[in-house]
Amino acid sequence: MTRVLVIDDEDLLREAIREMLEDAGYEVAEEADGAAGVRAFREAPADVVITDIIMPNKDGIRTIWELKQLRPELRIIAMSGGVPGGPRSDLPLATAYGAARTLQKPFTRAELLGAVAAVIG
């Protein structure tokens, strides 16, 4: 079974993502910020990580960088609620740091599951 780690500081969104992924047959772990996410990954590595960009304690860009140092081949999906091309749009930077896919919030269940399926191959 594919294990997915979801890292997002928004509790309701993180729980909704977990439920969508579990309903699709994935094993899911979740953490509320990048620092906790990196710790959790070290303890129980995931096959795919889905991380928000703007979070307390450790933002998503730093989280992506650290996870890629631990496992360069790790498949990461970055998500953000910033406006595309706007001052809060960090998704291109996330891709530059190693995210395989990006999701602009809000996204649909189909977009989420499609992104996960795409990075798994």
PDB file of N, CA and C in Angstrom:
ATOM      1  N   MET A   1       0.848  -1.186   0.000  1.00  0.00           N
ATOM      2  CA  MET A   1       0.000   0.000   0.000  1.00  0.00           C
ATOM      3  C   MET A   1       0.892   1.248   0.000  1.00  0.00           C
ATOM      4  N   THR A   2       0.520   2.211  -0.802  1.00  0.00           N
ATOM      5  CA  THR A   2       1.271   3.465  -0.877  1.00  0.00           C
ATOM      6  C   THR A   2       0.989   4.308   0.355  1.00  0.00           C
ATOM      7  N   ARG A   3       2.064   4.778   0.980  1.00  0.00           N
ATOM      8  CA  ARG A   3       1.957   5.613   2.180  1.00  0.00           C
ATOM      9  C   ARG A   3       2.148   7.073   1.796  1.00  0.00           C
ATOM     10  N   VAL A   4       1.213   7.929   2.209  1.00  0.00           N
ATOM     11  CA  VAL A   4       1.245   9.355   1.907  1.00  0.00           C
ATOM     12  C   VAL A   4       1.317  10.133   3.214  1.00  0.00           C
ATOM     13  N   LEU A   5       2.227  11.095   3.274  1.00  0.00           N
ATOM     14  CA  LEU A   5       2.330  12.009   4.413  1.00  0.00           C
ATOM     15  C   LEU A   5       1.783  13.364   3.976  1.00  0.00           C
ATOM     16  N   VAL A   6       0.780  13.852   4.689  1.00  0.00           N
ATOM     17  CA  VAL A   6       0.161  15.147   4.398  1.00  0.00           C
ATOM     18  C   VAL A   6       0.602  16.141   5.462  1.00  0.00           C
ATOM     19  N   ILE A   7       1.170  17.266   5.021  1.00  0.00           N
ATOM     20  CA  ILE A   7       1.649  18.297   5.941  1.00  0.00           C
ATOM     21  C   ILE A   7       0.930  19.602   5.624  1.00  0.00           C
ATOM     22  N   ASP A   8       0.098  20.056   6.548  1.00  0.00           N
ATOM     23  CA  ASP A   8      -0.643  21.313   6.360  1.00  0.00           C
ATOM     24  C   ASP A   8      -1.090  21.811   7.719  1.00  0.00           C
ATOM     25  N   ASP A   9      -1.001  23.119   7.941  1.00  0.00           N
ATOM     26  CA  ASP A   9      -1.380  23.681   9.234  1.00  0.00           C
ATOM     27  C   ASP A   9      -2.883  23.905   9.362  1.00  0.00           C
ATOM     28  N   GLU A  10      -3.641  23.749   8.291  1.00  0.00           N
ATOM     29  CA  GLU A  10      -5.096  23.904   8.358  1.00  0.00           C
ATOM     30  C   GLU A  10      -5.714  22.541   8.682  1.00  0.00           C
ATOM     31  N   ASP A  11      -6.190  22.390   9.909  1.00  0.00           N
ATOM     32  CA  ASP A  11      -6.703  21.096  10.375  1.00  0.00           C
ATOM     33  C   ASP A  11      -7.801  20.523   9.484  1.00  0.00           C
ATOM     34  N   LEU A  12      -8.787  21.342   9.128  1.00  0.00           N
ATOM     35  CA  LEU A  12      -9.917  20.824   8.353  1.00  0.00           C
ATOM     36  C   LEU A  12      -9.487  20.375   6.963  1.00  0.00           C
ATOM     37  N   LEU A  13      -8.605  21.134   6.335  1.00  0.00           N
ATOM     38  CA  LEU A  13      -8.130  20.747   5.007  1.00  0.00           C
ATOM     39  C   LEU A  13      -7.298  19.474   5.093  1.00  0.00           C
ATOM     40  N   ARG A  14      -6.408  19.413   6.070  1.00  0.00           N
ATOM     41  CA  ARG A  14      -5.559  18.227   6.235  1.00  0.00           C
ATOM     42  C   ARG A  14      -6.410  16.983   6.458  1.00  0.00           C
ATOM     43  N   GLU A  15      -7.436  17.103   7.289  1.00  0.00           N
ATOM     44  CA  GLU A  15      -8.323  15.970   7.547  1.00  0.00           C
ATOM     45  C   GLU A  15      -9.112  15.581   6.297  1.00  0.00           C
ATOM     46  N   ALA A  16      -9.540  16.580   5.521  1.00  0.00           N
ATOM     47  CA  ALA A  16     -10.284  16.295   4.288  1.00  0.00           C
ATOM     48  C   ALA A  16      -9.389  15.573   3.279  1.00  0.00           C
ATOM     49  N   ILE A  17      -8.148  16.014   3.171  1.00  0.00           N
ATOM     50  CA  ILE A  17      -7.201  15.348   2.262  1.00  0.00           C
ATOM     51  C   ILE A  17      -6.972  13.914   2.723  1.00  0.00           C
ATOM     52  N   ARG A  18      -6.786  13.734   4.025  1.00  0.00           N
ATOM     53  CA  ARG A  18      -6.589  12.381   4.559  1.00  0.00           C
ATOM     54  C   ARG A  18      -7.767  11.477   4.202  1.00  0.00           C
ATOM     55  N   GLU A  19      -8.984  11.970   4.418  1.00  0.00           N
ATOM     56  CA  GLU A  19     -10.172  11.169   4.124  1.00  0.00           C
ATOM     57  C   GLU A  19     -10.264  10.820   2.636  1.00  0.00           C
ATOM     58  N   MET A  20      -9.997  11.793   1.762  1.00  0.00           N
ATOM     59  CA  MET A  20     -10.049  11.522   0.319  1.00  0.00           C
ATOM     60  C   MET A  20      -9.026  10.459  -0.075  1.00  0.00           C
ATOM     61  N   LEU A  21      -7.825  10.566   0.482  1.00  0.00           N
ATOM     62  CA  LEU A  21      -6.779   9.603   0.141  1.00  0.00           C
ATOM     63  C   LEU A  21      -7.078   8.219   0.722  1.00  0.00           C
ATOM     64  N   GLU A  22      -7.553   8.172   1.966  1.00  0.00           N
ATOM     65  CA  GLU A  22      -7.891   6.878   2.566  1.00  0.00           C
ATOM     66  C   GLU A  22      -9.027   6.200   1.799  1.00  0.00           C
ATOM     67  N   ASP A  23     -10.019   6.988   1.383  1.00  0.00           N
ATOM     68  CA  ASP A  23     -11.129   6.435   0.605  1.00  0.00           C
ATOM     69  C   ASP A  23     -10.638   5.854  -0.722  1.00  0.00           C
ATOM     70  N   ALA A  24      -9.528   6.394  -1.231  1.00  0.00           N
ATOM     71  CA  ALA A  24      -8.963   5.915  -2.497  1.00  0.00           C
ATOM     72  C   ALA A  24      -7.976   4.763  -2.274  1.00  0.00           C
ATOM     73  N   GLY A  25      -7.797   4.342  -1.006  1.00  0.00           N
ATOM     74  CA  GLY A  25      -6.966   3.178  -0.727  1.00  0.00           C
ATOM     75  C   GLY A  25      -5.538   3.450  -0.301  1.00  0.00           C
ATOM     76  N   TYR A  26      -5.220   4.693  -0.002  1.00  0.00           N
ATOM     77  CA  TYR A  26      -3.863   5.020   0.452  1.00  0.00           C
ATOM     78  C   TYR A  26      -3.779   4.960   1.972  1.00  0.00           C
ATOM     79  N   GLU A  27      -2.589   4.657   2.470  1.00  0.00           N
ATOM     80  CA  GLU A  27      -2.300   4.762   3.902  1.00  0.00           C
ATOM     81  C   GLU A  27      -1.830   6.191   4.125  1.00  0.00           C
ATOM     82  N   VAL A  28      -2.389   6.889   5.099  1.00  0.00           N
ATOM     83  CA  VAL A  28      -2.106   8.320   5.261  1.00  0.00           C
ATOM     84  C   VAL A  28      -1.659   8.643   6.680  1.00  0.00           C
ATOM     85  N   ALA A  29      -0.596   9.456   6.761  1.00  0.00           N
ATOM     86  CA  ALA A  29      -0.163  10.058   8.023  1.00  0.00           C
ATOM     87  C   ALA A  29      -0.281  11.561   7.825  1.00  0.00           C
ATOM     88  N   GLU A  30      -0.439  12.291   8.912  1.00  0.00           N
ATOM     89  CA  GLU A  30      -0.569  13.740   8.772  1.00  0.00           C
ATOM     90  C   GLU A  30       0.162  14.474   9.880  1.00  0.00           C
ATOM     91  N   GLU A  31       0.656  15.660   9.526  1.00  0.00           N
ATOM     92  CA  GLU A  31       1.336  16.540  10.474  1.00  0.00           C
ATOM     93  C   GLU A  31       0.918  17.980  10.199  1.00  0.00           C
ATOM     94  N   ALA A  32       1.022  18.840  11.235  1.00  0.00           N
ATOM     95  CA  ALA A  32       0.505  20.197  11.151  1.00  0.00           C
ATOM     96  C   ALA A  32       1.517  21.254  10.713  1.00  0.00           C
ATOM     97  N   ASP A  33       2.796  20.903  10.605  1.00  0.00           N
ATOM     98  CA  ASP A  33       3.775  21.879  10.119  1.00  0.00           C
ATOM     99  C   ASP A  33       4.997  21.153   9.580  1.00  0.00           C
ATOM    100  N   GLY A  34       5.858  21.900   8.923  1.00  0.00           N
ATOM    101  CA  GLY A  34       7.012  21.294   8.280  1.00  0.00           C
ATOM    102  C   GLY A  34       7.985  20.629   9.233  1.00  0.00           C
ATOM    103  N   ALA A  35       8.202  21.229  10.394  1.00  0.00           N
ATOM    104  CA  ALA A  35       9.136  20.636  11.357  1.00  0.00           C
ATOM    105  C   ALA A  35       8.630  19.262  11.805  1.00  0.00           C
ATOM    106  N   ALA A  36       7.346  19.174  12.151  1.00  0.00           N
ATOM    107  CA  ALA A  36       6.763  17.897  12.559  1.00  0.00           C
ATOM    108  C   ALA A  36       6.733  16.922  11.384  1.00  0.00           C
ATOM    109  N   GLY A  37       6.504  17.435  10.187  1.00  0.00           N
ATOM    110  CA  GLY A  37       6.472  16.585   9.005  1.00  0.00           C
ATOM    111  C   GLY A  37       7.807  15.929   8.716  1.00  0.00           C
ATOM    112  N   VAL A  38       8.888  16.688   8.819  1.00  0.00           N
ATOM    113  CA  VAL A  38      10.227  16.126   8.589  1.00  0.00           C
ATOM    114  C   VAL A  38      10.546  15.086   9.663  1.00  0.00           C
ATOM    115  N   ARG A  39      10.197  15.381  10.920  1.00  0.00           N
ATOM    116  CA  ARG A  39      10.412  14.408  12.006  1.00  0.00           C
ATOM    117  C   ARG A  39       9.644  13.117  11.729  1.00  0.00           C
ATOM    118  N   ALA A  40       8.390  13.253  11.343  1.00  0.00           N
ATOM    119  CA  ALA A  40       7.560  12.077  11.064  1.00  0.00           C
ATOM    120  C   ALA A  40       8.124  11.272   9.899  1.00  0.00           C
ATOM    121  N   PHE A  41       8.629  11.956   8.883  1.00  0.00           N
ATOM    122  CA  PHE A  41       9.203  11.265   7.730  1.00  0.00           C
ATOM    123  C   PHE A  41      10.443  10.482   8.134  1.00  0.00           C
ATOM    124  N   ARG A  42      11.252  11.072   9.002  1.00  0.00           N
ATOM    125  CA  ARG A  42      12.454  10.364   9.478  1.00  0.00           C
ATOM    126  C   ARG A  42      12.078   9.083  10.223  1.00  0.00           C
ATOM    127  N   GLU A  43      10.998   9.147  11.000  1.00  0.00           N
ATOM    128  CA  GLU A  43      10.569   7.995  11.802  1.00  0.00           C
ATOM    129  C   GLU A  43       9.862   6.934  10.971  1.00  0.00           C
ATOM    130  N   ALA A  44       9.065   7.361  10.005  1.00  0.00           N
ATOM    131  CA  ALA A  44       8.288   6.434   9.181  1.00  0.00           C
ATOM    132  C   ALA A  44       8.174   7.027   7.779  1.00  0.00           C
ATOM    133  N   PRO A  45       9.166   6.769   6.920  1.00  0.00           N
ATOM    134  CA  PRO A  45       9.171   7.369   5.583  1.00  0.00           C
ATOM    135  C   PRO A  45       7.908   7.047   4.786  1.00  0.00           C
ATOM    136  N   ALA A  46       7.489   8.023   3.997  1.00  0.00           N
ATOM    137  CA  ALA A  46       6.327   7.877   3.128  1.00  0.00           C
ATOM    138  C   ALA A  46       6.797   7.731   1.682  1.00  0.00           C
ATOM    139  N   ASP A  47       5.909   7.228   0.842  1.00  0.00           N
ATOM    140  CA  ASP A  47       6.200   7.119  -0.583  1.00  0.00           C
ATOM    141  C   ASP A  47       5.967   8.452  -1.295  1.00  0.00           C
ATOM    142  N   VAL A  48       4.987   9.202  -0.784  1.00  0.00           N
ATOM    143  CA  VAL A  48       4.619  10.499  -1.348  1.00  0.00           C
ATOM    144  C   VAL A  48       4.396  11.461  -0.193  1.00  0.00           C
ATOM    145  N   VAL A  49       4.848  12.709  -0.354  1.00  0.00           N
ATOM    146  CA  VAL A  49       4.569  13.752   0.630  1.00  0.00           C
ATOM    147  C   VAL A  49       3.781  14.850  -0.070  1.00  0.00           C
ATOM    148  N   ILE A  50       2.698  15.280   0.565  1.00  0.00           N
ATOM    149  CA  ILE A  50       1.922  16.428   0.095  1.00  0.00           C
ATOM    150  C   ILE A  50       2.091  17.504   1.147  1.00  0.00           C
ATOM    151  N   THR A  51       2.670  18.645   0.756  1.00  0.00           N
ATOM    152  CA  THR A  51       2.940  19.684   1.744  1.00  0.00           C
ATOM    153  C   THR A  51       2.413  21.046   1.306  1.00  0.00           C
ATOM    154  N   ASP A  52       1.889  21.759   2.288  1.00  0.00           N
ATOM    155  CA  ASP A  52       1.519  23.156   2.084  1.00  0.00           C
ATOM    156  C   ASP A  52       2.815  23.963   2.011  1.00  0.00           C
ATOM    157  N   ILE A  53       2.743  25.157   1.502  1.00  0.00           N
ATOM    158  CA  ILE A  53       3.928  26.011   1.427  1.00  0.00           C
ATOM    159  C   ILE A  53       3.993  26.966   2.615  1.00  0.00           C
ATOM    160  N   ILE A  54       2.890  27.639   2.904  1.00  0.00           N
ATOM    161  CA  ILE A  54       2.905  28.659   3.957  1.00  0.00           C
ATOM    162  C   ILE A  54       2.405  28.027   5.255  1.00  0.00           C
ATOM    163  N   MET A  55       3.372  27.786   6.171  1.00  0.00           N
ATOM    164  CA  MET A  55       3.069  27.132   7.454  1.00  0.00           C
ATOM    165  C   MET A  55       3.976  27.710   8.531  1.00  0.00           C
ATOM    166  N   PRO A  56       3.563  27.590   9.787  1.00  0.00           N
ATOM    167  CA  PRO A  56       4.442  27.993  10.890  1.00  0.00           C
ATOM    168  C   PRO A  56       5.547  26.956  11.124  1.00  0.00           C
ATOM    169  N   ASN A  57       6.534  27.334  11.877  1.00  0.00           N
ATOM    170  CA  ASN A  57       7.652  26.494  12.334  1.00  0.00           C
ATOM    171  C   ASN A  57       8.633  26.090  11.237  1.00  0.00           C
ATOM    172  N   LYS A  58       8.146  25.718  10.080  1.00  0.00           N
ATOM    173  CA  LYS A  58       9.017  25.423   8.940  1.00  0.00           C
ATOM    174  C   LYS A  58       8.125  25.477   7.710  1.00  0.00           C
ATOM    175  N   ASP A  59       8.431  26.388   6.804  1.00  0.00           N
ATOM    176  CA  ASP A  59       7.576  26.509   5.619  1.00  0.00           C
ATOM    177  C   ASP A  59       7.787  25.340   4.658  1.00  0.00           C
ATOM    178  N   GLY A  60       6.942  25.270   3.676  1.00  0.00           N
ATOM    179  CA  GLY A  60       6.973  24.156   2.745  1.00  0.00           C
ATOM    180  C   GLY A  60       8.221  24.096   1.882  1.00  0.00           C
ATOM    181  N   ILE A  61       8.779  25.244   1.535  1.00  0.00           N
ATOM    182  CA  ILE A  61       9.985  25.243   0.704  1.00  0.00           C
ATOM    183  C   ILE A  61      11.138  24.598   1.472  1.00  0.00           C
ATOM    184  N   ARG A  62      11.325  25.005   2.704  1.00  0.00           N
ATOM    185  CA  ARG A  62      12.380  24.411   3.539  1.00  0.00           C
ATOM    186  C   ARG A  62      12.082  22.920   3.789  1.00  0.00           C
ATOM    187  N   THR A  63      10.825  22.594   3.978  1.00  0.00           N
ATOM    188  CA  THR A  63      10.429  21.201   4.183  1.00  0.00           C
ATOM    189  C   THR A  63      10.788  20.357   2.961  1.00  0.00           C
ATOM    190  N   ILE A  64      10.456  20.852   1.777  1.00  0.00           N
ATOM    191  CA  ILE A  64      10.786  20.138   0.537  1.00  0.00           C
ATOM    192  C   ILE A  64      12.290  19.937   0.446  1.00  0.00           C
ATOM    193  N   TRP A  65      13.043  20.991   0.698  1.00  0.00           N
ATOM    194  CA  TRP A  65      14.506  20.914   0.605  1.00  0.00           C
ATOM    195  C   TRP A  65      15.053  19.845   1.552  1.00  0.00           C
ATOM    196  N   GLU A  66      14.585  19.864   2.802  1.00  0.00           N
ATOM    197  CA  GLU A  66      15.080  18.892   3.786  1.00  0.00           C
ATOM    198  C   GLU A  66      14.683  17.462   3.424  1.00  0.00           C
ATOM    199  N   LEU A  67      13.461  17.271   2.974  1.00  0.00           N
ATOM    200  CA  LEU A  67      13.022  15.928   2.596  1.00  0.00           C
ATOM    201  C   LEU A  67      13.824  15.407   1.406  1.00  0.00           C
ATOM    202  N   LYS A  68      14.125  16.272   0.455  1.00  0.00           N
ATOM    203  CA  LYS A  68      14.915  15.863  -0.708  1.00  0.00           C
ATOM    204  C   LYS A  68      16.360  15.532  -0.311  1.00  0.00           C
ATOM    205  N   GLN A  69      16.868  16.158   0.755  1.00  0.00           N
ATOM    206  CA  GLN A  69      18.191  15.810   1.264  1.00  0.00           C
ATOM    207  C   GLN A  69      18.164  14.403   1.867  1.00  0.00           C
ATOM    208  N   LEU A  70      17.053  14.061   2.516  1.00  0.00           N
ATOM    209  CA  LEU A  70      16.922  12.738   3.129  1.00  0.00           C
ATOM    210  C   LEU A  70      16.715  11.654   2.075  1.00  0.00           C
ATOM    211  N   ARG A  71      15.899  11.953   1.066  1.00  0.00           N
ATOM    212  CA  ARG A  71      15.616  10.975   0.009  1.00  0.00           C
ATOM    213  C   ARG A  71      15.400  11.727  -1.310  1.00  0.00           C
ATOM    214  N   PRO A  72      16.458  11.852  -2.105  1.00  0.00           N
ATOM    215  CA  PRO A  72      16.374  12.639  -3.348  1.00  0.00           C
ATOM    216  C   PRO A  72      15.283  12.194  -4.307  1.00  0.00           C
ATOM    217  N   GLU A  73      14.952  10.914  -4.318  1.00  0.00           N
ATOM    218  CA  GLU A  73      13.946  10.417  -5.255  1.00  0.00           C
ATOM    219  C   GLU A  73      12.508  10.554  -4.727  1.00  0.00           C
ATOM    220  N   LEU A  74      12.344  11.106  -3.522  1.00  0.00           N
ATOM    221  CA  LEU A  74      11.021  11.255  -2.928  1.00  0.00           C
ATOM    222  C   LEU A  74      10.097  12.063  -3.834  1.00  0.00           C
ATOM    223  N   ARG A  75       8.879  11.594  -3.957  1.00  0.00           N
ATOM    224  CA  ARG A  75       7.872  12.275  -4.764  1.00  0.00           C
ATOM    225  C   ARG A  75       7.076  13.218  -3.864  1.00  0.00           C
ATOM    226  N   ILE A  76       7.144  14.503  -4.182  1.00  0.00           N
ATOM    227  CA  ILE A  76       6.517  15.536  -3.359  1.00  0.00           C
ATOM    228  C   ILE A  76       5.519  16.325  -4.195  1.00  0.00           C
ATOM    229  N   ILE A  77       4.367  16.579  -3.594  1.00  0.00           N
ATOM    230  CA  ILE A  77       3.354  17.451  -4.185  1.00  0.00           C
ATOM    231  C   ILE A  77       3.243  18.663  -3.272  1.00  0.00           C
ATOM    232  N   ALA A  78       3.426  19.855  -3.834  1.00  0.00           N
ATOM    233  CA  ALA A  78       3.310  21.097  -3.065  1.00  0.00           C
ATOM    234  C   ALA A  78       1.952  21.724  -3.345  1.00  0.00           C
ATOM    235  N   MET A  79       1.361  22.309  -2.303  1.00  0.00           N
ATOM    236  CA  MET A  79       0.077  22.990  -2.479  1.00  0.00           C
ATOM    237  C   MET A  79       0.131  24.354  -1.809  1.00  0.00           C
ATOM    238  N   SER A  80      -0.627  25.287  -2.378  1.00  0.00           N
ATOM    239  CA  SER A  80      -0.637  26.634  -1.825  1.00  0.00           C
ATOM    240  C   SER A  80      -1.946  27.327  -2.160  1.00  0.00           C
ATOM    241  N   GLY A  81      -2.342  28.201  -1.268  1.00  0.00           N
ATOM    242  CA  GLY A  81      -3.537  29.002  -1.490  1.00  0.00           C
ATOM    243  C   GLY A  81      -3.211  30.368  -2.043  1.00  0.00           C
ATOM    244  N   GLY A  82      -1.926  30.642  -2.297  1.00  0.00           N
ATOM    245  CA  GLY A  82      -1.532  31.920  -2.881  1.00  0.00           C
ATOM    246  C   GLY A  82      -2.071  32.061  -4.291  1.00  0.00           C
ATOM    247  N   VAL A  83      -2.217  33.290  -4.736  1.00  0.00           N
ATOM    248  CA  VAL A  83      -2.720  33.561  -6.081  1.00  0.00           C
ATOM    249  C   VAL A  83      -1.634  33.221  -7.099  1.00  0.00           C
ATOM    250  N   PRO A  84      -1.952  32.434  -8.155  1.00  0.00           N
ATOM    251  CA  PRO A  84      -0.938  32.098  -9.157  1.00  0.00           C
ATOM    252  C   PRO A  84      -0.311  33.367  -9.744  1.00  0.00           C
ATOM    253  N   GLY A  85       0.981  33.430  -9.728  1.00  0.00           N
ATOM    254  CA  GLY A  85       1.688  34.598 -10.252  1.00  0.00           C
ATOM    255  C   GLY A  85       1.696  35.785  -9.302  1.00  0.00           C
ATOM    256  N   GLY A  86       0.963  35.669  -8.196  1.00  0.00           N
ATOM    257  CA  GLY A  86       0.880  36.769  -7.241  1.00  0.00           C
ATOM    258  C   GLY A  86       2.024  36.726  -6.245  1.00  0.00           C
ATOM    259  N   PRO A  87       2.040  37.681  -5.338  1.00  0.00           N
ATOM    260  CA  PRO A  87       3.137  37.764  -4.371  1.00  0.00           C
ATOM    261  C   PRO A  87       3.232  36.559  -3.441  1.00  0.00           C
ATOM    262  N   ARG A  88       2.148  35.798  -3.276  1.00  0.00           N
ATOM    263  CA  ARG A  88       2.176  34.627  -2.387  1.00  0.00           C
ATOM    264  C   ARG A  88       2.262  33.327  -3.166  1.00  0.00           C
ATOM    265  N   SER A  89       2.547  33.412  -4.459  1.00  0.00           N
ATOM    266  CA  SER A  89       2.621  32.203  -5.271  1.00  0.00           C
ATOM    267  C   SER A  89       4.020  31.604  -5.178  1.00  0.00           C
ATOM    268  N   ASP A  90       4.159  30.571  -4.352  1.00  0.00           N
ATOM    269  CA  ASP A  90       5.448  29.925  -4.154  1.00  0.00           C
ATOM    270  C   ASP A  90       5.533  28.590  -4.879  1.00  0.00           C
ATOM    271  N   LEU A  91       4.518  28.245  -5.655  1.00  0.00           N
ATOM    272  CA  LEU A  91       4.520  26.942  -6.306  1.00  0.00           C
ATOM    273  C   LEU A  91       5.656  26.782  -7.317  1.00  0.00           C
ATOM    274  N   PRO A  92       5.988  27.796  -8.125  1.00  0.00           N
ATOM    275  CA  PRO A  92       7.152  27.625  -9.008  1.00  0.00           C
ATOM    276  C   PRO A  92       8.444  27.388  -8.223  1.00  0.00           C
ATOM    277  N   LEU A  93       8.601  28.044  -7.096  1.00  0.00           N
ATOM    278  CA  LEU A  93       9.774  27.840  -6.247  1.00  0.00           C
ATOM    279  C   LEU A  93       9.773  26.420  -5.674  1.00  0.00           C
ATOM    280  N   ALA A  94       8.604  25.925  -5.303  1.00  0.00           N
ATOM    281  CA  ALA A  94       8.498  24.554  -4.793  1.00  0.00           C
ATOM    282  C   ALA A  94       8.962  23.559  -5.859  1.00  0.00           C
ATOM    283  N   THR A  95       8.580  23.799  -7.103  1.00  0.00           N
ATOM    284  CA  THR A  95       9.014  22.933  -8.199  1.00  0.00           C
ATOM    285  C   THR A  95      10.533  23.006  -8.359  1.00  0.00           C
ATOM    286  N   ALA A  96      11.082  24.199  -8.248  1.00  0.00           N
ATOM    287  CA  ALA A  96      12.535  24.362  -8.369  1.00  0.00           C
ATOM    288  C   ALA A  96      13.278  23.605  -7.268  1.00  0.00           C
ATOM    289  N   TYR A  97      12.655  23.478  -6.101  1.00  0.00           N
ATOM    290  CA  TYR A  97      13.282  22.763  -4.986  1.00  0.00           C
ATOM    291  C   TYR A  97      13.012  21.266  -5.014  1.00  0.00           C
ATOM    292  N   GLY A  98      12.201  20.815  -5.962  1.00  0.00           N
ATOM    293  CA  GLY A  98      12.035  19.377  -6.113  1.00  0.00           C
ATOM    294  C   GLY A  98      10.631  18.823  -6.067  1.00  0.00           C
ATOM    295  N   ALA A  99       9.623  19.670  -5.923  1.00  0.00           N
ATOM    296  CA  ALA A  99       8.254  19.153  -5.958  1.00  0.00           C
ATOM    297  C   ALA A  99       7.956  18.640  -7.364  1.00  0.00           C
ATOM    298  N   ALA A 100       7.390  17.433  -7.431  1.00  0.00           N
ATOM    299  CA  ALA A 100       7.082  16.829  -8.724  1.00  0.00           C
ATOM    300  C   ALA A 100       5.791  17.393  -9.312  1.00  0.00           C
ATOM    301  N   ARG A 101       4.890  17.805  -8.457  1.00  0.00           N
ATOM    302  CA  ARG A 101       3.594  18.350  -8.866  1.00  0.00           C
ATOM    303  C   ARG A 101       3.212  19.470  -7.913  1.00  0.00           C
ATOM    304  N   THR A 102       2.289  20.325  -8.372  1.00  0.00           N
ATOM    305  CA  THR A 102       1.760  21.376  -7.512  1.00  0.00           C
ATOM    306  C   THR A 102       0.236  21.392  -7.619  1.00  0.00           C
ATOM    307  N   LEU A 103      -0.383  21.827  -6.541  1.00  0.00           N
ATOM    308  CA  LEU A 103      -1.837  21.990  -6.499  1.00  0.00           C
ATOM    309  C   LEU A 103      -2.152  23.379  -5.973  1.00  0.00           C
ATOM    310  N   GLN A 104      -2.959  24.103  -6.697  1.00  0.00           N
ATOM    311  CA  GLN A 104      -3.412  25.416  -6.253  1.00  0.00           C
ATOM    312  C   GLN A 104      -4.692  25.223  -5.443  1.00  0.00           C
ATOM    313  N   LYS A 105      -4.702  25.703  -4.202  1.00  0.00           N
ATOM    314  CA  LYS A 105      -5.905  25.625  -3.373  1.00  0.00           C
ATOM    315  C   LYS A 105      -6.906  26.670  -3.857  1.00  0.00           C
ATOM    316  N   PRO A 106      -8.182  26.390  -3.848  1.00  0.00           N
ATOM    317  CA  PRO A 106      -8.787  25.098  -3.556  1.00  0.00           C
ATOM    318  C   PRO A 106      -8.677  24.170  -4.776  1.00  0.00           C
ATOM    319  N   PHE A 107      -8.587  22.883  -4.502  1.00  0.00           N
ATOM    320  CA  PHE A 107      -8.511  21.897  -5.576  1.00  0.00           C
ATOM    321  C   PHE A 107      -9.595  20.851  -5.351  1.00  0.00           C
ATOM    322  N   THR A 108      -9.888  20.106  -6.386  1.00  0.00           N
ATOM    323  CA  THR A 108     -10.942  19.087  -6.302  1.00  0.00           C
ATOM    324  C   THR A 108     -10.349  17.746  -5.879  1.00  0.00           C
ATOM    325  N   ARG A 109     -11.230  16.844  -5.508  1.00  0.00           N
ATOM    326  CA  ARG A 109     -10.819  15.469  -5.185  1.00  0.00           C
ATOM    327  C   ARG A 109     -10.119  14.848  -6.390  1.00  0.00           C
ATOM    328  N   ALA A 110     -10.675  15.069  -7.570  1.00  0.00           N
ATOM    329  CA  ALA A 110     -10.087  14.508  -8.794  1.00  0.00           C
ATOM    330  C   ALA A 110      -8.685  15.065  -9.044  1.00  0.00           C
ATOM    331  N   GLU A 111      -8.491  16.346  -8.792  1.00  0.00           N
ATOM    332  CA  GLU A 111      -7.156  16.937  -8.978  1.00  0.00           C
ATOM    333  C   GLU A 111      -6.155  16.355  -7.982  1.00  0.00           C
ATOM    334  N   LEU A 112      -6.588  16.195  -6.732  1.00  0.00           N
ATOM    335  CA  LEU A 112      -5.718  15.607  -5.710  1.00  0.00           C
ATOM    336  C   LEU A 112      -5.331  14.185  -6.086  1.00  0.00           C
ATOM    337  N   LEU A 113      -6.322  13.356  -6.363  1.00  0.00           N
ATOM    338  CA  LEU A 113      -6.036  11.957  -6.682  1.00  0.00           C
ATOM    339  C   LEU A 113      -5.257  11.829  -7.981  1.00  0.00           C
ATOM    340  N   GLY A 114      -5.508  12.717  -8.933  1.00  0.00           N
ATOM    341  CA  GLY A 114      -4.753  12.704 -10.179  1.00  0.00           C
ATOM    342  C   GLY A 114      -3.298  13.041  -9.953  1.00  0.00           C
ATOM    343  N   ALA A 115      -3.029  14.013  -9.093  1.00  0.00           N
ATOM    344  CA  ALA A 115      -1.643  14.392  -8.803  1.00  0.00           C
ATOM    345  C   ALA A 115      -0.907  13.248  -8.106  1.00  0.00           C
ATOM    346  N   VAL A 116      -1.567  12.601  -7.145  1.00  0.00           N
ATOM    347  CA  VAL A 116      -0.930  11.487  -6.444  1.00  0.00           C
ATOM    348  C   VAL A 116      -0.654  10.336  -7.416  1.00  0.00           C
ATOM    349  N   ALA A 117      -1.640  10.009  -8.238  1.00  0.00           N
ATOM    350  CA  ALA A 117      -1.451   8.922  -9.216  1.00  0.00           C
ATOM    351  C   ALA A 117      -0.319   9.259 -10.188  1.00  0.00           C
ATOM    352  N   ALA A 118      -0.215  10.514 -10.582  1.00  0.00           N
ATOM    353  CA  ALA A 118       0.819  10.927 -11.533  1.00  0.00           C
ATOM    354  C   ALA A 118       2.224  10.784 -10.947  1.00  0.00           C
ATOM    355  N   VAL A 119       2.395  11.145  -9.678  1.00  0.00           N
ATOM    356  CA  VAL A 119       3.741  11.050  -9.099  1.00  0.00           C
ATOM    357  C   VAL A 119       4.120   9.620  -8.763  1.00  0.00           C
ATOM    358  N   ILE A 120       3.117   8.773  -8.503  1.00  0.00           N
ATOM    359  CA  ILE A 120       3.401   7.371  -8.229  1.00  0.00           C
ATOM    360  C   ILE A 120       3.823   6.662  -9.516  1.00  0.00           C
ATOM    361  N   GLY A 121       3.197   7.105 -10.630  1.00  0.00           N
ATOM    362  CA  GLY A 121       3.557   6.516 -11.928  1.00  0.00           C
ATOM    363  C   GLY A 121       2.682   5.388 -12.222  1.00  0.00           C
TER     364      GLY A 121
END
